[in-house]
């Protein structure tokens, strides 16, 4: 991850932002808001991942097209049939509704990708460790287990291939299944043994014997409080716009979209907060560098 200004903020600021960004992307189906969500999410994802982020973004494009195109096959509602397929109308309204659903999915994938980069396991533990210590510990262990499993699987597979016991490229499906089951068995044994060792280590260190203490390395700064106030104000403004019906979008049986207003502006500003902080710090860095 690149040097990102928003990632340096307090975990509460990061968590609140992603809750708002992901939560609003689930309930708002207006095309203008969805477009704002995709653009801002893609820009921040690229700022976090660099050129590697293009691979993920371009990989979401076929999924977007598939989800958009498949919806009219199941939903035939609409007053504007484009053509008939298998005797069923393929309507424009259902196609646009499918595009809205696909856009919501793309937005969630982008913001969840940013969430995984910004809100690391140590931030999550520091934020919820004193409130839900057991759940936060389990979540951190699970998140840590997934990359460990992938790494161990690659090690086992490589070791088997080095001694000539791995499935060859031209192996039959049965041989590949047998090889996969063998790797899975070894991986399961390794995971169970590791859980026993972890449990013994935690018991030896006195875990659960007394009330757990926590060390908070993160402290709220003036900038964090200002960001919290700005985010709450923008979020409240967007929710107010939604309550007044300014984000209403109906696609079937006929298209009925509410006209865009100040709600779109506040929603876009809310989603642009991480990007604005990143650009602001980059500009300050270049100015400082030019003065040297």
Foldseek 3Di string as FASTA:
>chain_A
DDDFQVLPAALVLLVVLLCLLLVVLVVFLFPLLLVLLLVLLLVVLCVLVPPVSVVVLVVLVVVLVVQLQCQQVPDQAADAFPDDDPNGGRHPLSSSSSNSVSSSVSSNVSSVSVCPRRCDLVSQCLVCCQPCVVVSVVVSVVVVVVVVLVVVLVVVQVVCVVVPNHADPPHDPVSNVVNVVVSVVVSVVVVVVVVVVVVVVCVVVPPPVDDDDDDRPDDHDPVNVVSVVLLVVLSVLLVVCVVVVQSDFDRGHHTDGHDHDVSSVSSSVSSCVSVVSRVVVVVVVVVVVVVD
